[in-house]
């Protein structure tokens, strides 16, 4: 283990001299500081500094692990990961030297994504060049130290059959989602954080007819479906001067002018729900997106809340929802990520929409029909 003070001193000397991190530069910095310059010391210091400046540094072994979807850094020595079965503590050998190292790591990732992270702007949410999504909060805003959350996309992209192998879909669920796609039913995928909404949406989009043009709009780009005709728009936050913002809602409107066969909103979380519902009511069949919701039954109230905040009244929202969305696919992660229910919107005599269950998938894979099964069957016929 290399002493933190030694690494800090070499780093400072290299930074002042504007030198790249090379074994020769490290050796010269050690000599100038009157430190030992043995091969082992030079290589050890070079390894630490190199890890700080390339890729995910000390987290690279976790990134290379099979099935890792999330890496969470809670300060220098507490690292967690998720391989799809829930959070687990990383090996104690994986970590950072101290809080300063975590802070530098977070700032480097932010810079790699073209964003700034410092005391004046202590939070960042950015997509890295390799597709990893990074969220970071600097201490002392965060405790017990700088916090970094990394969402790792699947390197090869998962297909629907892969989700069956992972028990996220049953055979009946696979058949149903393919019928939804073939019938061009507009749908939403719902669930909590980390339930696999984006993964399922990406797999479904990969199964869309190759002749169709997909226009994807996202707040932070995560969807990378294996489809031959995908174009994407990504929102941009305002800079520190408050200028340059490109909101998701504006991009949804722009996407409608790009001749989409399917409009895809990666995650509906704000006023863009109004434009999405409007688009799905103007001949854009087969559109889709994801939405955070506790259950299928909670979807109308969730959409109503988002739309009201954007200025659309309750009655208008429910009217739009009733005719825009044909099905809702709900995911959970108990005991693992899987599709548990498919619901359809039904309009009450009052004009308000409620969601009724059409299909429920038990833990043992059995599909059980709900009261709206016939209505769903009519839509995917």
Protein backbone atom coordinates (compact mmCIF):
# COMPACT_ATOMS: atom_id res chain seq x y z
CA UNK A 1 0.00 0.00 0.00
CA UNK A 2 1.48 3.35 -1.03
CA UNK A 3 1.45 6.11 1.57
CA UNK A 4 -1.21 8.73 0.84
CA UNK A 5 1.26 11.55 1.61
CA UNK A 6 3.71 10.22 -0.96
CA UNK A 7 1.07 10.02 -3.69
CA UNK A 8 -0.20 13.52 -2.84
CA UNK A 9 3.29 14.98 -3.07
CA UNK A 10 4.01 13.40 -6.44
CA UNK A 11 0.59 14.44 -7.76
CA UNK A 12 1.19 18.04 -6.70
CA UNK A 13 4.62 18.18 -8.33
CA UNK A 14 3.34 16.71 -11.58
CA UNK A 15 0.42 19.14 -11.62
CA UNK A 16 2.65 22.19 -11.01
CA UNK A 17 5.01 21.09 -13.77
CA UNK A 18 2.17 20.22 -16.15
CA UNK A 19 3.57 16.73 -16.72
CA UNK A 20 1.67 13.63 -17.80
CA UNK A 21 1.52 10.67 -15.44
CA UNK A 22 4.33 8.45 -16.70
CA UNK A 23 6.82 6.25 -14.77
CA UNK A 24 9.67 8.58 -15.75
CA UNK A 25 7.80 11.69 -14.55
CA UNK A 26 6.90 9.95 -11.29
CA UNK A 27 10.54 8.97 -10.73
CA UNK A 28 11.71 12.55 -11.34
CA UNK A 29 9.08 13.88 -8.92
CA UNK A 30 10.21 11.43 -6.27
CA UNK A 31 13.85 12.45 -6.72
CA UNK A 32 12.95 16.14 -6.49
CA UNK A 33 11.12 15.45 -3.24
CA UNK A 34 14.06 13.50 -1.81
CA UNK A 35 12.03 10.30 -1.71
CA UNK A 36 13.11 6.73 -2.48
CA UNK A 37 13.15 6.02 -6.21
CA UNK A 38 13.10 2.22 -6.31
CA UNK A 39 11.30 0.48 -9.14
CA UNK A 40 8.61 -0.86 -6.83
CA UNK A 41 7.87 2.59 -5.39
CA UNK A 42 7.77 4.26 -8.80
CA UNK A 43 5.43 1.63 -10.24
CA UNK A 44 3.18 1.67 -7.18
CA UNK A 45 2.79 5.48 -7.22
CA UNK A 46 2.34 5.47 -11.00
CA UNK A 47 -0.37 2.80 -10.68
CA UNK A 48 -2.32 4.83 -8.13
CA UNK A 49 -2.12 8.05 -10.14
CA UNK A 50 -2.94 6.26 -13.39
CA UNK A 51 -6.03 4.67 -11.81
CA UNK A 52 -7.18 8.13 -10.74
CA UNK A 53 -7.02 9.48 -14.27
CA UNK A 54 -8.34 6.65 -16.45
CA UNK A 55 -11.81 5.07 -16.61
CA UNK A 56 -13.36 4.31 -13.25
CA UNK A 57 -10.03 4.03 -11.52
CA UNK A 58 -10.16 1.68 -8.52
CA UNK A 59 -13.72 0.72 -9.49
CA UNK A 60 -12.67 -0.77 -12.84
CA UNK A 61 -12.60 -4.35 -11.43
CA UNK A 62 -16.25 -3.95 -10.42
CA UNK A 63 -17.19 -2.54 -13.82
CA UNK A 64 -15.63 -5.59 -15.43
CA UNK A 65 -17.62 -7.98 -13.23
CA UNK A 66 -20.39 -9.86 -14.97
CA UNK A 67 -23.91 -8.57 -14.45
CA UNK A 68 -23.09 -5.40 -12.50
CA UNK A 69 -25.83 -2.79 -13.02
CA UNK A 70 -25.07 -0.29 -10.24
CA UNK A 71 -21.97 0.79 -8.29
CA UNK A 72 -22.47 2.99 -5.22
CA UNK A 73 -19.65 4.86 -3.47
CA UNK A 74 -20.41 5.99 0.09
CA UNK A 75 -17.14 7.71 0.93
CA UNK A 76 -13.65 6.26 0.48
CA UNK A 77 -14.01 2.74 1.91
CA UNK A 78 -17.69 1.82 1.59
CA UNK A 79 -18.44 0.54 -1.91
CA UNK A 80 -21.62 -1.33 -2.88
CA UNK A 81 -22.72 -3.00 -6.09
CA UNK A 82 -25.81 -4.59 -7.57
CA UNK A 83 -25.61 -7.59 -9.90
CA UNK A 84 -29.38 -7.77 -10.34
CA UNK A 85 -30.14 -9.52 -7.07
CA UNK A 86 -29.93 -6.60 -4.66
CA UNK A 87 -27.10 -4.60 -3.13
CA UNK A 88 -23.97 -6.31 -1.82
CA UNK A 89 -20.80 -4.94 -0.24
CA UNK A 90 -17.78 -4.88 -2.53
CA UNK A 91 -14.54 -6.58 -1.58
CA UNK A 92 -12.69 -4.55 1.11
CA UNK A 93 -9.69 -4.28 -1.23
CA UNK A 94 -11.75 -2.01 -3.51
CA UNK A 95 -11.85 1.60 -2.41
CA UNK A 96 -10.13 4.95 -2.27
CA UNK A 97 -7.26 6.21 -0.17
CA UNK A 98 -9.23 9.01 1.47
CA UNK A 99 -12.06 11.49 1.02
CA UNK A 100 -9.91 13.72 -1.20
CA UNK A 101 -9.43 10.83 -3.61
CA UNK A 102 -13.18 10.26 -3.87
CA UNK A 103 -13.74 13.97 -4.46
CA UNK A 104 -11.14 14.06 -7.25
CA UNK A 105 -12.68 10.93 -8.76
CA UNK A 106 -16.16 12.47 -8.81
CA UNK A 107 -14.87 15.73 -10.28
CA UNK A 108 -12.98 13.89 -13.01
CA UNK A 109 -16.09 11.93 -14.01
CA UNK A 110 -18.13 15.14 -14.09
CA UNK A 111 -15.51 16.79 -16.30
CA UNK A 112 -15.50 13.76 -18.61
CA UNK A 113 -19.21 14.37 -19.15
CA UNK A 114 -18.70 18.08 -19.77
CA UNK A 115 -20.02 19.22 -16.39
CA UNK A 116 -18.62 21.08 -13.41
CA UNK A 117 -18.53 19.75 -9.83
CA UNK A 118 -17.23 21.92 -7.01
CA UNK A 119 -18.36 23.69 -3.84
CA UNK A 120 -20.39 26.18 -5.88
CA UNK A 121 -22.13 23.36 -7.75
CA UNK A 122 -21.90 20.31 -5.44
CA UNK A 123 -24.21 17.94 -7.36
CA UNK A 124 -24.09 16.53 -10.87
CA UNK A 125 -25.98 14.03 -13.00
CA UNK A 126 -24.11 13.21 -16.18
CA UNK A 127 -23.68 10.52 -18.82
CA UNK A 128 -20.08 9.43 -19.34
CA UNK A 129 -18.65 8.75 -22.82
CA UNK A 130 -18.91 4.97 -22.32
CA UNK A 131 -22.63 5.21 -21.49
CA UNK A 132 -22.32 4.93 -17.70
CA UNK A 133 -24.65 7.33 -15.90
CA UNK A 134 -23.00 9.13 -12.99
CA UNK A 135 -24.65 11.01 -10.15
CA UNK A 136 -22.40 12.61 -7.54
CA UNK A 137 -22.78 14.81 -4.46
CA UNK A 138 -19.77 16.40 -2.76
CA UNK A 139 -19.25 16.48 0.99
CA UNK A 140 -20.21 18.19 3.26
CA UNK A 141 -23.58 18.34 1.47
CA UNK A 142 -23.43 14.54 1.52
CA UNK A 143 -22.49 12.24 4.36
CA UNK A 144 -20.39 10.27 5.31
CA UNK A 145 -18.36 11.71 2.42
CA UNK A 146 -18.61 12.31 -1.30
CA UNK A 147 -21.31 10.04 -2.77
CA UNK A 148 -21.12 8.63 -6.28
CA UNK A 149 -23.84 6.52 -7.90
CA UNK A 150 -23.06 4.79 -11.19
CA UNK A 151 -25.68 3.15 -13.40
CA UNK A 152 -23.94 0.70 -15.75
CA UNK A 153 -25.66 -0.14 -19.05
CA UNK A 154 -25.45 -3.70 -20.32
CA UNK A 155 -22.53 -3.78 -22.71
CA UNK A 156 -24.20 -5.96 -25.35
CA UNK A 157 -27.79 -4.81 -24.86
CA UNK A 158 -30.37 -7.30 -23.65
CA UNK A 159 -33.06 -8.77 -25.88
CA UNK A 160 -36.44 -10.06 -24.81
CA UNK A 161 -35.19 -13.67 -24.80
CA UNK A 162 -32.38 -12.59 -22.46
CA UNK A 163 -34.98 -11.23 -20.05
CA UNK A 164 -36.76 -14.58 -20.13
CA UNK A 165 -33.46 -16.28 -19.25
CA UNK A 166 -33.09 -13.86 -16.34
CA UNK A 167 -36.68 -14.55 -15.22
CA UNK A 168 -37.67 -10.92 -15.75
CA UNK A 169 -40.26 -12.17 -18.25
CA UNK A 170 -42.19 -15.42 -18.37
CA UNK A 171 -42.96 -17.13 -21.67
CA UNK A 172 -46.48 -15.69 -21.45
CA UNK A 173 -45.06 -12.24 -20.72
CA UNK A 174 -42.76 -12.48 -23.73
CA UNK A 175 -45.67 -13.36 -26.00
CA UNK A 176 -47.73 -10.50 -24.60
CA UNK A 177 -45.12 -7.75 -25.06
CA UNK A 178 -44.51 -8.90 -28.62
CA UNK A 179 -48.22 -8.69 -29.35
CA UNK A 180 -48.29 -5.19 -27.87
CA UNK A 181 -45.47 -4.14 -30.19
CA UNK A 182 -47.01 -5.77 -33.25
CA UNK A 183 -50.38 -4.11 -32.59
CA UNK A 184 -48.66 -0.73 -32.11
CA UNK A 185 -50.30 -0.22 -28.72
CA UNK A 186 -48.99 2.83 -26.86
CA UNK A 187 -47.66 1.74 -23.47
CA UNK A 188 -45.91 2.85 -20.32
CA UNK A 189 -43.47 0.81 -18.25
CA UNK A 190 -43.75 1.61 -14.55
CA UNK A 191 -42.00 0.64 -11.34
CA UNK A 192 -39.64 1.95 -8.71
CA UNK A 193 -35.99 2.89 -9.08
CA UNK A 194 -33.83 0.00 -10.25
CA UNK A 195 -36.68 -2.32 -11.21
CA UNK A 196 -35.48 -2.65 -14.80
CA UNK A 197 -37.81 -0.24 -16.60
CA UNK A 198 -35.16 1.03 -19.01
CA UNK A 199 -33.84 -2.49 -19.60
CA UNK A 200 -37.27 -3.81 -20.56
CA UNK A 201 -38.00 -0.78 -22.75
CA UNK A 202 -34.69 -1.17 -24.57
CA UNK A 203 -35.33 -4.87 -25.17
CA UNK A 204 -38.81 -4.16 -26.50
CA UNK A 205 -37.54 -1.44 -28.83
CA UNK A 206 -34.94 -3.84 -30.20
CA UNK A 207 -37.84 -6.10 -31.20
CA UNK A 208 -39.60 -3.38 -33.21
CA UNK A 209 -39.82 -3.80 -36.99
CA UNK A 210 -36.44 -2.67 -38.44
CA UNK A 211 -38.30 -0.57 -41.03
CA UNK A 212 -39.62 1.75 -38.30
CA UNK A 213 -37.89 4.95 -37.21
CA UNK A 214 -37.50 5.36 -33.45
CA UNK A 215 -37.03 8.85 -32.01
CA UNK A 216 -35.85 8.62 -28.41
CA UNK A 217 -36.01 11.59 -26.02
CA UNK A 218 -34.27 11.34 -22.64
CA UNK A 219 -33.21 13.53 -19.76
CA UNK A 220 -29.97 11.55 -19.55
CA UNK A 221 -29.25 9.10 -22.35
CA UNK A 222 -29.53 5.49 -21.21
CA UNK A 223 -31.52 3.73 -23.92
CA UNK A 224 -29.35 2.03 -26.53
CA UNK A 225 -31.69 -0.40 -28.29
CA UNK A 226 -30.22 -2.78 -30.86
CA UNK A 227 -32.30 -1.38 -33.69
CA UNK A 228 -31.08 -0.18 -37.10
CA UNK A 229 -32.93 3.16 -37.13
CA UNK A 230 -32.70 5.00 -33.82
CA UNK A 231 -32.10 8.72 -33.37
CA UNK A 232 -31.94 10.34 -29.96
CA UNK A 233 -32.31 13.71 -28.28
CA UNK A 234 -30.87 14.43 -24.83
CA UNK A 235 -31.89 17.27 -22.52
CA UNK A 236 -29.29 19.74 -21.30
CA UNK A 237 -29.34 21.57 -17.95
CA UNK A 238 -28.59 25.25 -17.61
CA UNK A 239 -25.00 26.30 -16.95
CA UNK A 240 -23.92 28.20 -13.83
CA UNK A 241 -25.08 31.45 -15.42
CA UNK A 242 -28.55 29.97 -15.90
CA UNK A 243 -28.28 29.86 -19.69
CA UNK A 244 -28.21 27.10 -22.26
CA UNK A 245 -30.95 24.85 -20.86
CA UNK A 246 -32.69 22.51 -23.30
CA UNK A 247 -35.60 20.95 -21.33
CA UNK A 248 -37.03 17.55 -22.04
CA UNK A 249 -40.45 19.01 -22.80
CA UNK A 250 -39.05 21.12 -25.64
CA UNK A 251 -37.32 18.06 -27.08
CA UNK A 252 -40.54 16.05 -27.08
CA UNK A 253 -42.09 18.74 -29.26
CA UNK A 254 -39.05 18.76 -31.54
CA UNK A 255 -39.19 14.97 -31.86
CA UNK A 256 -42.67 15.19 -33.36
CA UNK A 257 -41.18 17.09 -36.31
CA UNK A 258 -38.64 14.33 -36.99
CA UNK A 259 -41.04 11.90 -38.63
CA UNK A 260 -41.08 9.29 -35.83
CA UNK A 261 -42.76 5.94 -36.36
CA UNK A 262 -42.52 5.56 -32.60
CA UNK A 263 -41.91 8.36 -30.13
CA UNK A 264 -40.06 7.15 -27.05
CA UNK A 265 -39.66 9.22 -23.87
CA UNK A 266 -37.05 7.47 -21.77
CA UNK A 267 -38.42 8.66 -18.44
CA UNK A 268 -41.51 10.78 -17.89
CA UNK A 269 -40.91 12.84 -14.77
CA UNK A 270 -42.30 16.33 -15.45
CA UNK A 271 -44.26 18.55 -17.81
CA UNK A 272 -43.24 16.47 -20.82
CA UNK A 273 -46.10 14.13 -19.89
CA UNK A 274 -48.48 16.72 -21.38
CA UNK A 275 -46.70 16.73 -24.73
CA UNK A 276 -46.37 12.94 -24.75
CA UNK A 277 -50.10 12.44 -24.13
CA UNK A 278 -50.88 15.02 -26.81
CA UNK A 279 -48.57 13.26 -29.28
CA UNK A 280 -50.12 9.87 -28.63
CA UNK A 281 -53.52 11.41 -29.36
CA UNK A 282 -52.47 12.77 -32.75
CA UNK A 283 -51.79 9.62 -34.72
CA UNK A 284 -48.42 8.63 -33.24
CA UNK A 285 -49.27 5.00 -32.53
CA UNK A 286 -46.93 2.74 -30.62
CA UNK A 287 -45.32 5.48 -28.55
CA UNK A 288 -43.95 4.55 -25.16
CA UNK A 289 -41.97 5.60 -22.12
CA UNK A 290 -41.19 4.82 -18.50
CA UNK A 291 -42.73 6.30 -15.38
CA UNK A 292 -42.00 5.96 -11.67
CA UNK A 293 -45.08 4.58 -9.91
CA UNK A 294 -45.78 2.30 -6.95
CA UNK A 295 -48.33 0.18 -8.80
CA UNK A 296 -50.48 0.05 -11.91
CA UNK A 297 -53.39 1.48 -9.92
CA UNK A 298 -51.31 4.55 -8.98
CA UNK A 299 -50.51 5.53 -12.58
CA UNK A 300 -53.51 7.88 -13.16
CA UNK A 301 -52.79 9.87 -9.99
CA UNK A 302 -49.09 10.01 -10.83
CA UNK A 303 -49.76 11.33 -14.34
CA UNK A 304 -52.39 13.73 -13.00
CA UNK A 305 -49.89 15.22 -10.55
CA UNK A 306 -47.26 15.74 -13.25
CA UNK A 307 -49.76 17.23 -15.69
CA UNK A 308 -51.31 19.57 -13.13
CA UNK A 309 -47.85 20.94 -12.31
CA UNK A 310 -47.45 21.63 -16.04
CA UNK A 311 -50.75 23.49 -16.26
CA UNK A 312 -53.08 20.83 -17.68
CA UNK A 313 -56.34 20.46 -15.79
CA UNK A 314 -57.54 17.26 -14.16
CA UNK A 315 -60.38 16.53 -16.57
CA UNK A 316 -58.23 17.20 -19.62
CA UNK A 317 -55.45 15.00 -18.26
CA UNK A 318 -57.75 12.03 -17.71
CA UNK A 319 -59.37 12.54 -21.09
CA UNK A 320 -55.97 12.50 -22.78
CA UNK A 321 -54.79 9.49 -20.77
CA UNK A 322 -57.88 7.45 -21.60
CA UNK A 323 -57.29 7.66 -25.33
CA UNK A 324 -53.48 7.90 -25.41
CA UNK A 325 -52.22 4.90 -23.43
CA UNK A 326 -53.30 1.38 -24.25
CA UNK A 327 -51.42 -0.60 -21.60
CA UNK A 328 -49.19 -0.23 -18.55
CA UNK A 329 -46.50 -2.80 -17.72
CA UNK A 330 -45.47 -2.77 -14.05
CA UNK A 331 -42.17 -4.12 -12.70
CA UNK A 332 -40.91 -4.90 -9.22
CA UNK A 333 -37.65 -6.25 -7.85
CA UNK A 334 -39.02 -8.77 -5.35
CA UNK A 335 -37.45 -11.27 -5.25
CA UNK A 336 -35.79 -10.13 -8.49
CA UNK A 337 -36.55 -7.70 -11.31
CA UNK A 338 -39.59 -8.94 -13.17
CA UNK A 339 -42.84 -8.01 -14.89
CA UNK A 340 -45.64 -8.55 -12.37
CA UNK A 341 -48.72 -6.90 -13.85
CA UNK A 342 -50.21 -5.46 -17.02
CA UNK A 343 -53.08 -3.02 -16.70
CA UNK A 344 -55.26 -0.99 -19.03
CA UNK A 345 -56.90 2.42 -18.48
CA UNK A 346 -60.67 2.38 -18.07
CA UNK A 347 -62.73 5.56 -18.01
CA UNK A 348 -65.42 5.92 -15.34
CA UNK A 349 -68.78 7.62 -16.01
CA UNK A 350 -67.33 10.60 -14.12
CA UNK A 351 -64.72 10.96 -16.85
CA UNK A 352 -61.81 9.99 -14.61
CA UNK A 353 -59.51 7.11 -15.50
CA UNK A 354 -58.73 4.15 -13.32
CA UNK A 355 -56.35 1.31 -14.09
CA UNK A 356 -57.69 -2.23 -14.14
CA UNK A 357 -55.51 -5.32 -14.03
CA UNK A 358 -55.53 -7.41 -17.18
CA UNK A 359 -52.78 -9.94 -16.41
CA UNK A 360 -50.88 -10.70 -13.21
CA UNK A 361 -47.74 -12.83 -13.17
CA UNK A 362 -47.15 -14.85 -10.01
CA UNK A 363 -43.69 -15.56 -8.63
CA UNK A 364 -43.97 -19.08 -10.02
CA UNK A 365 -44.52 -17.69 -13.53
CA UNK A 366 -48.24 -18.37 -13.76
CA UNK A 367 -50.22 -15.70 -15.65
CA UNK A 368 -53.60 -14.96 -14.09
CA UNK A 369 -56.26 -12.96 -15.89
CA UNK A 370 -57.73 -9.88 -14.27
CA UNK A 371 -61.02 -8.06 -14.89
CA UNK A 372 -59.61 -6.18 -17.91
CA UNK A 373 -58.18 -9.25 -19.68
CA UNK A 374 -60.74 -9.11 -22.49
CA UNK A 375 -60.10 -5.41 -23.05
CA UNK A 376 -56.36 -6.01 -23.36
CA UNK A 377 -56.91 -8.98 -25.67
CA UNK A 378 -59.01 -6.78 -27.96
CA UNK A 379 -56.19 -4.22 -28.18
CA UNK A 380 -53.47 -6.71 -29.10
CA UNK A 381 -55.60 -8.78 -31.49
